[in-house]
Amino acid sequence: MVGIFLLLPLLLIMLVLVMELGHVYIYQSELQHAADAAALAGANNATDDELNAIVTKNANRTPFTPTFERREKTADKFYVVLKESIEPIFVEVFGREVFVTITASAAASITDKKLVLLNR
């Protein structure tokens, strides 16, 4: 019985850590989807306003708006890097402000009139 009370705080800490990692993973996945969409649109000669709208639309399930860290268009491909800082859920309990920076990159090109995502 005493062992259960000693292990309970450890189990709670492990639960919080798993939840935080899941939180970051979900946001990183959403950011990657937005980067993929922006790269495909950029390769298809989208304007800056169209790229911003696409990124915002593809990241709409998250409470943040990603920013472009880098956009580069070459003769045969379009490369984009998105960046966002998120605040972990349970850090607020300790009264500290800590942010985790997540990034996502993607490249796309048009070959034989087909849009192709180059990296994953």
PDB file of N, CA and C in Angstrom:
ATOM      1  N   MET A   1       0.825  -1.196   0.000  1.00  0.00           N
ATOM      2  CA  MET A   1       0.000   0.000   0.000  1.00  0.00           C
ATOM      3  C   MET A   1       0.869   1.260   0.000  1.00  0.00           C
ATOM      4  N   VAL A   2       1.930   1.258   0.794  1.00  0.00           N
ATOM      5  CA  VAL A   2       2.821   2.411   0.837  1.00  0.00           C
ATOM      6  C   VAL A   2       3.532   2.572  -0.504  1.00  0.00           C
ATOM      7  N   GLY A   3       3.836   1.442  -1.163  1.00  0.00           N
ATOM      8  CA  GLY A   3       4.507   1.479  -2.462  1.00  0.00           C
ATOM      9  C   GLY A   3       3.685   2.199  -3.512  1.00  0.00           C
ATOM     10  N   ILE A   4       2.379   2.039  -3.451  1.00  0.00           N
ATOM     11  CA  ILE A   4       1.503   2.714  -4.407  1.00  0.00           C
ATOM     12  C   ILE A   4       1.593   4.230  -4.225  1.00  0.00           C
ATOM     13  N   PHE A   5       1.602   4.696  -3.001  1.00  0.00           N
ATOM     14  CA  PHE A   5       1.692   6.141  -2.748  1.00  0.00           C
ATOM     15  C   PHE A   5       3.052   6.694  -3.135  1.00  0.00           C
ATOM     16  N   LEU A   6       4.087   5.867  -3.057  1.00  0.00           N
ATOM     17  CA  LEU A   6       5.412   6.321  -3.472  1.00  0.00           C
ATOM     18  C   LEU A   6       5.540   6.352  -4.996  1.00  0.00           C
ATOM     19  N   LEU A   7       4.876   5.443  -5.694  1.00  0.00           N
ATOM     20  CA  LEU A   7       4.956   5.384  -7.151  1.00  0.00           C
ATOM     21  C   LEU A   7       3.992   6.333  -7.852  1.00  0.00           C
ATOM     22  N   LEU A   8       2.956   6.770  -7.171  1.00  0.00           N
ATOM     23  CA  LEU A   8       1.961   7.633  -7.789  1.00  0.00           C
ATOM     24  C   LEU A   8       2.557   8.931  -8.353  1.00  0.00           C
ATOM     25  N   PRO A   9       3.396   9.662  -7.626  1.00  0.00           N
ATOM     26  CA  PRO A   9       3.987  10.874  -8.218  1.00  0.00           C
ATOM     27  C   PRO A   9       4.832  10.570  -9.457  1.00  0.00           C
ATOM     28  N   LEU A  10       5.559   9.462  -9.436  1.00  0.00           N
ATOM     29  CA  LEU A  10       6.364   9.086 -10.592  1.00  0.00           C
ATOM     30  C   LEU A  10       5.478   8.782 -11.800  1.00  0.00           C
ATOM     31  N   LEU A  11       4.390   8.093 -11.578  1.00  0.00           N
ATOM     32  CA  LEU A  11       3.467   7.795 -12.669  1.00  0.00           C
ATOM     33  C   LEU A  11       2.821   9.066 -13.226  1.00  0.00           C
ATOM     34  N   LEU A  12       2.514  10.007 -12.351  1.00  0.00           N
ATOM     35  CA  LEU A  12       1.932  11.272 -12.809  1.00  0.00           C
ATOM     36  C   LEU A  12       2.939  12.073 -13.632  1.00  0.00           C
ATOM     37  N   ILE A  13       4.185  12.087 -13.209  1.00  0.00           N
ATOM     38  CA  ILE A  13       5.222  12.792 -13.965  1.00  0.00           C
ATOM     39  C   ILE A  13       5.405  12.152 -15.337  1.00  0.00           C
ATOM     40  N   MET A  14       5.393  10.841 -15.406  1.00  0.00           N
ATOM     41  CA  MET A  14       5.511  10.142 -16.687  1.00  0.00           C
ATOM     42  C   MET A  14       4.317  10.448 -17.587  1.00  0.00           C
ATOM     43  N   LEU A  15       3.131  10.511 -17.018  1.00  0.00           N
ATOM     44  CA  LEU A  15       1.929  10.833 -17.776  1.00  0.00           C
ATOM     45  C   LEU A  15       2.021  12.239 -18.370  1.00  0.00           C
ATOM     46  N   VAL A  16       2.456  13.195 -17.579  1.00  0.00           N
ATOM     47  CA  VAL A  16       2.602  14.571 -18.053  1.00  0.00           C
ATOM     48  C   VAL A  16       3.631  14.637 -19.178  1.00  0.00           C
ATOM     49  N   LEU A  17       4.737  13.940 -19.035  1.00  0.00           N
ATOM     50  CA  LEU A  17       5.773  13.946 -20.060  1.00  0.00           C
ATOM     51  C   LEU A  17       5.243  13.357 -21.374  1.00  0.00           C
ATOM     52  N   VAL A  18       4.521  12.265 -21.300  1.00  0.00           N
ATOM     53  CA  VAL A  18       3.948  11.655 -22.503  1.00  0.00           C
ATOM     54  C   VAL A  18       2.953  12.606 -23.160  1.00  0.00           C
ATOM     55  N   MET A  19       2.149  13.282 -22.366  1.00  0.00           N
ATOM     56  CA  MET A  19       1.184  14.233 -22.922  1.00  0.00           C
ATOM     57  C   MET A  19       1.886  15.408 -23.599  1.00  0.00           C
ATOM     58  N   GLU A  20       2.946  15.903 -22.995  1.00  0.00           N
ATOM     59  CA  GLU A  20       3.702  17.012 -23.594  1.00  0.00           C
ATOM     60  C   GLU A  20       4.338  16.594 -24.918  1.00  0.00           C
ATOM     61  N   LEU A  21       4.932  15.415 -24.949  1.00  0.00           N
ATOM     62  CA  LEU A  21       5.558  14.946 -26.178  1.00  0.00           C
ATOM     63  C   LEU A  21       4.518  14.729 -27.278  1.00  0.00           C
ATOM     64  N   GLY A  22       3.352  14.222 -26.914  1.00  0.00           N
ATOM     65  CA  GLY A  22       2.274  14.063 -27.878  1.00  0.00           C
ATOM     66  C   GLY A  22       1.798  15.396 -28.423  1.00  0.00           C
ATOM     67  N   HIS A  23       1.718  16.376 -27.548  1.00  0.00           N
ATOM     68  CA  HIS A  23       1.323  17.743 -27.915  1.00  0.00           C
ATOM     69  C   HIS A  23       2.296  18.308 -28.947  1.00  0.00           C
ATOM     70  N   VAL A  24       3.577  18.190 -28.708  1.00  0.00           N
ATOM     71  CA  VAL A  24       4.591  18.700 -29.630  1.00  0.00           C
ATOM     72  C   VAL A  24       4.553  17.915 -30.947  1.00  0.00           C
ATOM     73  N   TYR A  25       4.367  16.607 -30.870  1.00  0.00           N
ATOM     74  CA  TYR A  25       4.321  15.781 -32.073  1.00  0.00           C
ATOM     75  C   TYR A  25       3.150  16.175 -32.976  1.00  0.00           C
ATOM     76  N   ILE A  26       1.989  16.399 -32.387  1.00  0.00           N
ATOM     77  CA  ILE A  26       0.818  16.793 -33.175  1.00  0.00           C
ATOM     78  C   ILE A  26       1.055  18.134 -33.862  1.00  0.00           C
ATOM     79  N   TYR A  27       1.591  19.106 -33.141  1.00  0.00           N
ATOM     80  CA  TYR A  27       1.851  20.413 -33.739  1.00  0.00           C
ATOM     81  C   TYR A  27       2.904  20.317 -34.837  1.00  0.00           C
ATOM     82  N   GLN A  28       3.926  19.497 -34.634  1.00  0.00           N
ATOM     83  CA  GLN A  28       4.965  19.344 -35.651  1.00  0.00           C
ATOM     84  C   GLN A  28       4.369  18.704 -36.904  1.00  0.00           C
ATOM     85  N   SER A  29       3.492  17.750 -36.728  1.00  0.00           N
ATOM     86  CA  SER A  29       2.833  17.099 -37.860  1.00  0.00           C
ATOM     87  C   SER A  29       1.984  18.100 -38.641  1.00  0.00           C
ATOM     88  N   GLU A  30       1.236  18.932 -37.944  1.00  0.00           N
ATOM     89  CA  GLU A  30       0.414  19.954 -38.608  1.00  0.00           C
ATOM     90  C   GLU A  30       1.301  20.965 -39.337  1.00  0.00           C
ATOM     91  N   LEU A  31       2.419  21.331 -38.722  1.00  0.00           N
ATOM     92  CA  LEU A  31       3.338  22.270 -39.358  1.00  0.00           C
ATOM     93  C   LEU A  31       3.942  21.644 -40.613  1.00  0.00           C
ATOM     94  N   GLN A  32       4.235  20.352 -40.578  1.00  0.00           N
ATOM     95  CA  GLN A  32       4.777  19.669 -41.761  1.00  0.00           C
ATOM     96  C   GLN A  32       3.757  19.637 -42.889  1.00  0.00           C
ATOM     97  N   HIS A  33       2.486  19.410 -42.560  1.00  0.00           N
ATOM     98  CA  HIS A  33       1.444  19.444 -43.589  1.00  0.00           C
ATOM     99  C   HIS A  33       1.365  20.829 -44.234  1.00  0.00           C
ATOM    100  N   ALA A  34       1.472  21.863 -43.426  1.00  0.00           N
ATOM    101  CA  ALA A  34       1.434  23.229 -43.953  1.00  0.00           C
ATOM    102  C   ALA A  34       2.646  23.501 -44.840  1.00  0.00           C
ATOM    103  N   ALA A  35       3.822  23.014 -44.437  1.00  0.00           N
ATOM    104  CA  ALA A  35       5.032  23.202 -45.246  1.00  0.00           C
ATOM    105  C   ALA A  35       4.914  22.459 -46.571  1.00  0.00           C
ATOM    106  N   ASP A  36       4.389  21.249 -46.536  1.00  0.00           N
ATOM    107  CA  ASP A  36       4.193  20.486 -47.768  1.00  0.00           C
ATOM    108  C   ASP A  36       3.256  21.224 -48.727  1.00  0.00           C
ATOM    109  N   ALA A  37       2.149  21.723 -48.190  1.00  0.00           N
ATOM    110  CA  ALA A  37       1.185  22.448 -49.021  1.00  0.00           C
ATOM    111  C   ALA A  37       1.800  23.723 -49.594  1.00  0.00           C
ATOM    112  N   ALA A  38       2.580  24.436 -48.786  1.00  0.00           N
ATOM    113  CA  ALA A  38       3.222  25.667 -49.259  1.00  0.00           C
ATOM    114  C   ALA A  38       4.257  25.362 -50.339  1.00  0.00           C
ATOM    115  N   ALA A  39       5.006  24.286 -50.182  1.00  0.00           N
ATOM    116  CA  ALA A  39       6.001  23.921 -51.190  1.00  0.00           C
ATOM    117  C   ALA A  39       5.330  23.560 -52.513  1.00  0.00           C
ATOM    118  N   LEU A  40       4.246  22.799 -52.441  1.00  0.00           N
ATOM    119  CA  LEU A  40       3.524  22.445 -53.666  1.00  0.00           C
ATOM    120  C   LEU A  40       2.933  23.681 -54.340  1.00  0.00           C
ATOM    121  N   ALA A  41       2.377  24.577 -53.549  1.00  0.00           N
ATOM    122  CA  ALA A  41       1.807  25.808 -54.109  1.00  0.00           C
ATOM    123  C   ALA A  41       2.908  26.703 -54.674  1.00  0.00           C
ATOM    124  N   GLY A  42       4.024  26.793 -53.982  1.00  0.00           N
ATOM    125  CA  GLY A  42       5.131  27.615 -54.467  1.00  0.00           C
ATOM    126  C   GLY A  42       5.709  27.091 -55.763  1.00  0.00           C
ATOM    127  N   ALA A  43       5.796  25.774 -55.871  1.00  0.00           N
ATOM    128  CA  ALA A  43       6.291  25.185 -57.120  1.00  0.00           C
ATOM    129  C   ALA A  43       5.325  25.461 -58.266  1.00  0.00           C
ATOM    130  N   ASN A  44       4.068  25.680 -57.917  1.00  0.00           N
ATOM    131  CA  ASN A  44       3.043  25.982 -58.920  1.00  0.00           C
ATOM    132  C   ASN A  44       2.881  27.489 -59.113  1.00  0.00           C
ATOM    133  N   ASN A  45       3.910  28.252 -58.712  1.00  0.00           N
ATOM    134  CA  ASN A  45       3.988  29.705 -58.897  1.00  0.00           C
ATOM    135  C   ASN A  45       2.908  30.486 -58.165  1.00  0.00           C
ATOM    136  N   ALA A  46       2.624  30.108 -56.934  1.00  0.00           N
ATOM    137  CA  ALA A  46       1.671  30.862 -56.115  1.00  0.00           C
ATOM    138  C   ALA A  46       2.311  32.168 -55.654  1.00  0.00           C
ATOM    139  N   THR A  47       1.488  33.175 -55.439  1.00  0.00           N
ATOM    140  CA  THR A  47       1.990  34.451 -54.932  1.00  0.00           C
ATOM    141  C   THR A  47       2.225  34.339 -53.424  1.00  0.00           C
ATOM    142  N   ASP A  48       2.879  35.342 -52.859  1.00  0.00           N
ATOM    143  CA  ASP A  48       3.129  35.348 -51.419  1.00  0.00           C
ATOM    144  C   ASP A  48       1.831  35.329 -50.616  1.00  0.00           C
ATOM    145  N   ASP A  49       0.840  36.088 -51.058  1.00  0.00           N
ATOM    146  CA  ASP A  49      -0.449  36.103 -50.356  1.00  0.00           C
ATOM    147  C   ASP A  49      -1.119  34.728 -50.408  1.00  0.00           C
ATOM    148  N   GLU A  50      -1.027  34.070 -51.548  1.00  0.00           N
ATOM    149  CA  GLU A  50      -1.598  32.727 -51.671  1.00  0.00           C
ATOM    150  C   GLU A  50      -0.865  31.734 -50.774  1.00  0.00           C
ATOM    151  N   LEU A  51       0.465  31.865 -50.691  1.00  0.00           N
ATOM    152  CA  LEU A  51       1.242  30.981 -49.818  1.00  0.00           C
ATOM    153  C   LEU A  51       0.857  31.170 -48.359  1.00  0.00           C
ATOM    154  N   ASN A  52       0.724  32.422 -47.939  1.00  0.00           N
ATOM    155  CA  ASN A  52       0.323  32.691 -46.551  1.00  0.00           C
ATOM    156  C   ASN A  52      -1.058  32.124 -46.261  1.00  0.00           C
ATOM    157  N   ALA A  53      -1.980  32.256 -47.201  1.00  0.00           N
ATOM    158  CA  ALA A  53      -3.331  31.715 -47.012  1.00  0.00           C
ATOM    159  C   ALA A  53      -3.304  30.191 -46.922  1.00  0.00           C
ATOM    160  N   ILE A  54      -2.481  29.557 -47.729  1.00  0.00           N
ATOM    161  CA  ILE A  54      -2.379  28.095 -47.718  1.00  0.00           C
ATOM    162  C   ILE A  54      -1.788  27.605 -46.407  1.00  0.00           C
ATOM    163  N   VAL A  55      -0.746  28.271 -45.936  1.00  0.00           N
ATOM    164  CA  VAL A  55      -0.128  27.867 -44.669  1.00  0.00           C
ATOM    165  C   VAL A  55      -1.101  28.044 -43.519  1.00  0.00           C
ATOM    166  N   THR A  56      -1.802  29.169 -43.498  1.00  0.00           N
ATOM    167  CA  THR A  56      -2.776  29.418 -42.430  1.00  0.00           C
ATOM    168  C   THR A  56      -3.906  28.397 -42.481  1.00  0.00           C
ATOM    169  N   LYS A  57      -4.389  28.092 -43.663  1.00  0.00           N
ATOM    170  CA  LYS A  57      -5.480  27.122 -43.798  1.00  0.00           C
ATOM    171  C   LYS A  57      -5.036  25.733 -43.352  1.00  0.00           C
ATOM    172  N   ASN A  58      -3.811  25.334 -43.679  1.00  0.00           N
ATOM    173  CA  ASN A  58      -3.343  23.991 -43.344  1.00  0.00           C
ATOM    174  C   ASN A  58      -2.905  23.866 -41.896  1.00  0.00           C
ATOM    175  N   ALA A  59      -2.720  24.969 -41.210  1.00  0.00           N
ATOM    176  CA  ALA A  59      -2.357  24.923 -39.795  1.00  0.00           C
ATOM    177  C   ALA A  59      -3.526  25.371 -38.922  1.00  0.00           C
ATOM    178  N   ASN A  60      -4.736  25.348 -39.479  1.00  0.00           N
ATOM    179  CA  ASN A  60      -5.876  25.910 -38.759  1.00  0.00           C
ATOM    180  C   ASN A  60      -6.341  25.071 -37.577  1.00  0.00           C
ATOM    181  N   ARG A  61      -5.878  23.855 -37.453  1.00  0.00           N
ATOM    182  CA  ARG A  61      -6.278  23.033 -36.305  1.00  0.00           C
ATOM    183  C   ARG A  61      -5.381  23.271 -35.100  1.00  0.00           C
ATOM    184  N   THR A  62      -4.455  24.168 -35.237  1.00  0.00           N
ATOM    185  CA  THR A  62      -3.539  24.478 -34.142  1.00  0.00           C
ATOM    186  C   THR A  62      -3.736  25.926 -33.729  1.00  0.00           C
ATOM    187  N   PRO A  63      -3.381  26.277 -32.513  1.00  0.00           N
ATOM    188  CA  PRO A  63      -3.622  27.649 -32.044  1.00  0.00           C
ATOM    189  C   PRO A  63      -2.523  28.640 -32.446  1.00  0.00           C
ATOM    190  N   PHE A  64      -1.707  28.313 -33.415  1.00  0.00           N
ATOM    191  CA  PHE A  64      -0.637  29.219 -33.798  1.00  0.00           C
ATOM    192  C   PHE A  64      -0.690  29.509 -35.291  1.00  0.00           C
ATOM    193  N   THR A  65       0.015  30.531 -35.695  1.00  0.00           N
ATOM    194  CA  THR A  65       0.171  30.847 -37.111  1.00  0.00           C
ATOM    195  C   THR A  65       1.653  30.741 -37.430  1.00  0.00           C
ATOM    196  N   PRO A  66       2.044  29.758 -38.215  1.00  0.00           N
ATOM    197  CA  PRO A  66       3.456  29.582 -38.509  1.00  0.00           C
ATOM    198  C   PRO A  66       4.016  30.730 -39.325  1.00  0.00           C
ATOM    199  N   THR A  67       5.299  30.928 -39.211  1.00  0.00           N
ATOM    200  CA  THR A  67       5.973  31.962 -39.974  1.00  0.00           C
ATOM    201  C   THR A  67       6.967  31.312 -40.930  1.00  0.00           C
ATOM    202  N   PHE A  68       7.163  31.967 -42.056  1.00  0.00           N
ATOM    203  CA  PHE A  68       8.150  31.484 -43.018  1.00  0.00           C
ATOM    204  C   PHE A  68       9.532  31.862 -42.511  1.00  0.00           C
ATOM    205  N   GLU A  69      10.359  30.875 -42.322  1.00  0.00           N
ATOM    206  CA  GLU A  69      11.751  31.153 -41.973  1.00  0.00           C
ATOM    207  C   GLU A  69      12.569  31.307 -43.251  1.00  0.00           C
ATOM    208  N   ARG A  70      12.161  30.577 -44.280  1.00  0.00           N
ATOM    209  CA  ARG A  70      12.905  30.643 -45.525  1.00  0.00           C
ATOM    210  C   ARG A  70      11.992  30.227 -46.677  1.00  0.00           C
ATOM    211  N   ARG A  71      12.080  30.968 -47.770  1.00  0.00           N
ATOM    212  CA  ARG A  71      11.414  30.603 -49.024  1.00  0.00           C
ATOM    213  C   ARG A  71      12.451  30.773 -50.120  1.00  0.00           C
ATOM    214  N   GLU A  72      12.577  29.775 -50.931  1.00  0.00           N
ATOM    215  CA  GLU A  72      13.582  29.861 -51.988  1.00  0.00           C
ATOM    216  C   GLU A  72      13.047  29.174 -53.239  1.00  0.00           C
ATOM    217  N   LYS A  73      13.092  29.885 -54.338  1.00  0.00           N
ATOM    218  CA  LYS A  73      12.663  29.303 -55.605  1.00  0.00           C
ATOM    219  C   LYS A  73      13.853  29.266 -56.538  1.00  0.00           C
ATOM    220  N   THR A  74      14.135  28.100 -57.045  1.00  0.00           N
ATOM    221  CA  THR A  74      15.176  27.940 -58.057  1.00  0.00           C
ATOM    222  C   THR A  74      14.486  27.614 -59.381  1.00  0.00           C
ATOM    223  N   ALA A  75      15.277  27.340 -60.380  1.00  0.00           N
ATOM    224  CA  ALA A  75      14.706  27.066 -61.697  1.00  0.00           C
ATOM    225  C   ALA A  75      13.826  25.820 -61.703  1.00  0.00           C
ATOM    226  N   ASP A  76      14.152  24.849 -60.851  1.00  0.00           N
ATOM    227  CA  ASP A  76      13.415  23.591 -60.925  1.00  0.00           C
ATOM    228  C   ASP A  76      12.688  23.195 -59.646  1.00  0.00           C
ATOM    229  N   LYS A  77      12.835  23.969 -58.552  1.00  0.00           N
ATOM    230  CA  LYS A  77      12.115  23.584 -57.336  1.00  0.00           C
ATOM    231  C   LYS A  77      11.834  24.790 -56.442  1.00  0.00           C
ATOM    232  N   PHE A  78      10.916  24.560 -55.503  1.00  0.00           N
ATOM    233  CA  PHE A  78      10.565  25.570 -54.514  1.00  0.00           C
ATOM    234  C   PHE A  78      10.792  24.947 -53.143  1.00  0.00           C
ATOM    235  N   TYR A  79      11.520  25.664 -52.284  1.00  0.00           N
ATOM    236  CA  TYR A  79      11.884  25.163 -50.969  1.00  0.00           C
ATOM    237  C   TYR A  79      11.325  26.102 -49.914  1.00  0.00           C
ATOM    238  N   VAL A  80      10.740  25.541 -48.864  1.00  0.00           N
ATOM    239  CA  VAL A  80      10.149  26.360 -47.807  1.00  0.00           C
ATOM    240  C   VAL A  80      10.484  25.768 -46.441  1.00  0.00           C
ATOM    241  N   VAL A  81      10.721  26.653 -45.472  1.00  0.00           N
ATOM    242  CA  VAL A  81      10.925  26.248 -44.081  1.00  0.00           C
ATOM    243  C   VAL A  81       9.966  27.064 -43.225  1.00  0.00           C
ATOM    244  N   LEU A  82       9.146  26.373 -42.439  1.00  0.00           N
ATOM    245  CA  LEU A  82       8.217  27.033 -41.521  1.00  0.00           C
ATOM    246  C   LEU A  82       8.713  26.845 -40.100  1.00  0.00           C
ATOM    247  N   LYS A  83       8.434  27.832 -39.267  1.00  0.00           N
ATOM    248  CA  LYS A  83       8.906  27.809 -37.884  1.00  0.00           C
ATOM    249  C   LYS A  83       7.809  28.328 -36.978  1.00  0.00           C
ATOM    250  N   GLU A  84       7.709  27.733 -35.791  1.00  0.00           N
ATOM    251  CA  GLU A  84       6.749  28.221 -34.803  1.00  0.00           C
ATOM    252  C   GLU A  84       7.224  27.838 -33.407  1.00  0.00           C
ATOM    253  N   SER A  85       6.959  28.711 -32.465  1.00  0.00           N
ATOM    254  CA  SER A  85       7.248  28.432 -31.061  1.00  0.00           C
ATOM    255  C   SER A  85       5.939  28.132 -30.354  1.00  0.00           C
ATOM    256  N   ILE A  86       5.908  27.026 -29.625  1.00  0.00           N
ATOM    257  CA  ILE A  86       4.700  26.650 -28.894  1.00  0.00           C
ATOM    258  C   ILE A  86       5.018  26.541 -27.412  1.00  0.00           C
ATOM    259  N   GLU A  87       4.014  26.762 -26.607  1.00  0.00           N
ATOM    260  CA  GLU A  87       4.172  26.666 -25.160  1.00  0.00           C
ATOM    261  C   GLU A  87       3.621  25.323 -24.688  1.00  0.00           C
ATOM    262  N   PRO A  88       4.440  24.529 -24.019  1.00  0.00           N
ATOM    263  CA  PRO A  88       3.937  23.250 -23.497  1.00  0.00           C
ATOM    264  C   PRO A  88       2.772  23.466 -22.540  1.00  0.00           C
ATOM    265  N   ILE A  89       1.907  22.478 -22.465  1.00  0.00           N
ATOM    266  CA  ILE A  89       0.668  22.592 -21.698  1.00  0.00           C
ATOM    267  C   ILE A  89       0.909  22.729 -20.195  1.00  0.00           C
ATOM    268  N   PHE A  90       1.714  21.849 -19.631  1.00  0.00           N
ATOM    269  CA  PHE A  90       1.832  21.762 -18.181  1.00  0.00           C
ATOM    270  C   PHE A  90       2.922  22.631 -17.565  1.00  0.00           C
ATOM    271  N   VAL A  91       3.675  23.341 -18.396  1.00  0.00           N
ATOM    272  CA  VAL A  91       4.725  24.199 -17.848  1.00  0.00           C
ATOM    273  C   VAL A  91       4.119  25.358 -17.064  1.00  0.00           C
ATOM    274  N   GLU A  92       2.927  25.781 -17.446  1.00  0.00           N
ATOM    275  CA  GLU A  92       2.252  26.882 -16.759  1.00  0.00           C
ATOM    276  C   GLU A  92       2.024  26.580 -15.283  1.00  0.00           C
ATOM    277  N   VAL A  93       1.898  25.304 -14.953  1.00  0.00           N
ATOM    278  CA  VAL A  93       1.671  24.905 -13.562  1.00  0.00           C
ATOM    279  C   VAL A  93       2.826  25.357 -12.682  1.00  0.00           C
ATOM    280  N   PHE A  94       4.026  25.354 -13.242  1.00  0.00           N
ATOM    281  CA  PHE A  94       5.214  25.719 -12.474  1.00  0.00           C
ATOM    282  C   PHE A  94       5.519  27.216 -12.539  1.00  0.00           C
ATOM    283  N   GLY A  95       4.684  27.974 -13.236  1.00  0.00           N
ATOM    284  CA  GLY A  95       4.848  29.423 -13.279  1.00  0.00           C
ATOM    285  C   GLY A  95       6.009  29.881 -14.134  1.00  0.00           C
ATOM    286  N   ARG A  96       6.418  29.084 -15.090  1.00  0.00           N
ATOM    287  CA  ARG A  96       7.537  29.454 -15.960  1.00  0.00           C
ATOM    288  C   ARG A  96       7.053  29.568 -17.390  1.00  0.00           C
ATOM    289  N   GLU A  97       7.687  30.431 -18.145  1.00  0.00           N
ATOM    290  CA  GLU A  97       7.382  30.541 -19.559  1.00  0.00           C
ATOM    291  C   GLU A  97       8.495  29.853 -20.338  1.00  0.00           C
ATOM    292  N   VAL A  98       8.171  28.735 -20.931  1.00  0.00           N
ATOM    293  CA  VAL A  98       9.111  27.969 -21.732  1.00  0.00           C
ATOM    294  C   VAL A  98       8.450  27.715 -23.078  1.00  0.00           C
ATOM    295  N   PHE A  99       9.188  27.925 -24.139  1.00  0.00           N
ATOM    296  CA  PHE A  99       8.657  27.689 -25.465  1.00  0.00           C
ATOM    297  C   PHE A  99       9.511  26.666 -26.185  1.00  0.00           C
ATOM    298  N   VAL A 100       8.853  25.837 -26.972  1.00  0.00           N
ATOM    299  CA  VAL A 100       9.529  24.842 -27.792  1.00  0.00           C
ATOM    300  C   VAL A 100       9.403  25.302 -29.241  1.00  0.00           C
ATOM    301  N   THR A 101      10.516  25.400 -29.943  1.00  0.00           N
ATOM    302  CA  THR A 101      10.496  25.814 -31.336  1.00  0.00           C
ATOM    303  C   THR A 101      10.468  24.583 -32.225  1.00  0.00           C
ATOM    304  N   ILE A 102       9.485  24.554 -33.097  1.00  0.00           N
ATOM    305  CA  ILE A 102       9.388  23.450 -34.040  1.00  0.00           C
ATOM    306  C   ILE A 102       9.541  24.006 -35.456  1.00  0.00           C
ATOM    307  N   THR A 103      10.155  23.228 -36.316  1.00  0.00           N
ATOM    308  CA  THR A 103      10.336  23.631 -37.705  1.00  0.00           C
ATOM    309  C   THR A 103       9.911  22.490 -38.618  1.00  0.00           C
ATOM    310  N   ALA A 104       9.555  22.853 -39.817  1.00  0.00           N
ATOM    311  CA  ALA A 104       9.210  21.871 -40.842  1.00  0.00           C
ATOM    312  C   ALA A 104       9.684  22.420 -42.175  1.00  0.00           C
ATOM    313  N   SER A 105      10.228  21.550 -42.985  1.00  0.00           N
ATOM    314  CA  SER A 105      10.698  21.980 -44.293  1.00  0.00           C
ATOM    315  C   SER A 105      10.148  21.055 -45.367  1.00  0.00           C
ATOM    316  N   ALA A 106      10.028  21.591 -46.568  1.00  0.00           N
ATOM    317  CA  ALA A 106       9.546  20.802 -47.697  1.00  0.00           C
ATOM    318  C   ALA A 106      10.064  21.419 -48.984  1.00  0.00           C
ATOM    319  N   ALA A 107      10.208  20.586 -49.982  1.00  0.00           N
ATOM    320  CA  ALA A 107      10.617  21.039 -51.310  1.00  0.00           C
ATOM    321  C   ALA A 107       9.731  20.361 -52.333  1.00  0.00           C
ATOM    322  N   ALA A 108       9.412  21.091 -53.384  1.00  0.00           N
ATOM    323  CA  ALA A 108       8.566  20.540 -54.435  1.00  0.00           C
ATOM    324  C   ALA A 108       9.036  21.064 -55.784  1.00  0.00           C
ATOM    325  N   SER A 109       8.706  20.331 -56.820  1.00  0.00           N
ATOM    326  CA  SER A 109       9.045  20.769 -58.168  1.00  0.00           C
ATOM    327  C   SER A 109       7.959  20.311 -59.124  1.00  0.00           C
ATOM    328  N   ILE A 110       8.012  20.868 -60.327  1.00  0.00           N
ATOM    329  CA  ILE A 110       7.106  20.445 -61.388  1.00  0.00           C
ATOM    330  C   ILE A 110       7.931  19.677 -62.409  1.00  0.00           C
ATOM    331  N   THR A 111       7.587  18.425 -62.599  1.00  0.00           N
ATOM    332  CA  THR A 111       8.257  17.607 -63.611  1.00  0.00           C
ATOM    333  C   THR A 111       7.196  16.984 -64.492  1.00  0.00           C
ATOM    334  N   ASP A 112       7.350  17.135 -65.786  1.00  0.00           N
ATOM    335  CA  ASP A 112       6.390  16.594 -66.749  1.00  0.00           C
ATOM    336  C   ASP A 112       4.958  17.017 -66.422  1.00  0.00           C
ATOM    337  N   LYS A 113       4.802  18.284 -66.067  1.00  0.00           N
ATOM    338  CA  LYS A 113       3.498  18.876 -65.739  1.00  0.00           C
ATOM    339  C   LYS A 113       2.827  18.236 -64.526  1.00  0.00           C
ATOM    340  N   LYS A 114       3.626  17.631 -63.639  1.00  0.00           N
ATOM    341  CA  LYS A 114       3.115  17.054 -62.393  1.00  0.00           C
ATOM    342  C   LYS A 114       3.842  17.690 -61.233  1.00  0.00           C
ATOM    343  N   LEU A 115       3.087  18.060 -60.192  1.00  0.00           N
ATOM    344  CA  LEU A 115       3.701  18.562 -58.970  1.00  0.00           C
ATOM    345  C   LEU A 115       4.233  17.378 -58.177  1.00  0.00           C
ATOM    346  N   VAL A 116       5.474  17.486 -57.723  1.00  0.00           N
ATOM    347  CA  VAL A 116       6.108  16.405 -56.991  1.00  0.00           C
ATOM    348  C   VAL A 116       6.702  16.946 -55.702  1.00  0.00           C
ATOM    349  N   LEU A 117       6.356  16.334 -54.585  1.00  0.00           N
ATOM    350  CA  LEU A 117       6.953  16.670 -53.294  1.00  0.00           C
ATOM    351  C   LEU A 117       8.273  15.921 -53.207  1.00  0.00           C
ATOM    352  N   LEU A 118       9.386  16.651 -53.023  1.00  0.00           N
ATOM    353  CA  LEU A 118      10.706  16.045 -53.138  1.00  0.00           C
ATOM    354  C   LEU A 118      11.207  15.375 -51.873  1.00  0.00           C
ATOM    355  N   ASN A 119      10.872  15.887 -50.729  1.00  0.00           N
ATOM    356  CA  ASN A 119      11.396  15.286 -49.498  1.00  0.00           C
ATOM    357  C   ASN A 119      10.288  15.114 -48.497  1.00  0.00           C
ATOM    358  N   ARG A 120      10.541  14.264 -47.544  1.00  0.00           N
ATOM    359  CA  ARG A 120       9.541  14.015 -46.497  1.00  0.00           C
ATOM    360  C   ARG A 120      10.235  13.836 -45.198  1.00  0.00           C
TER     361      ARG A 120
END
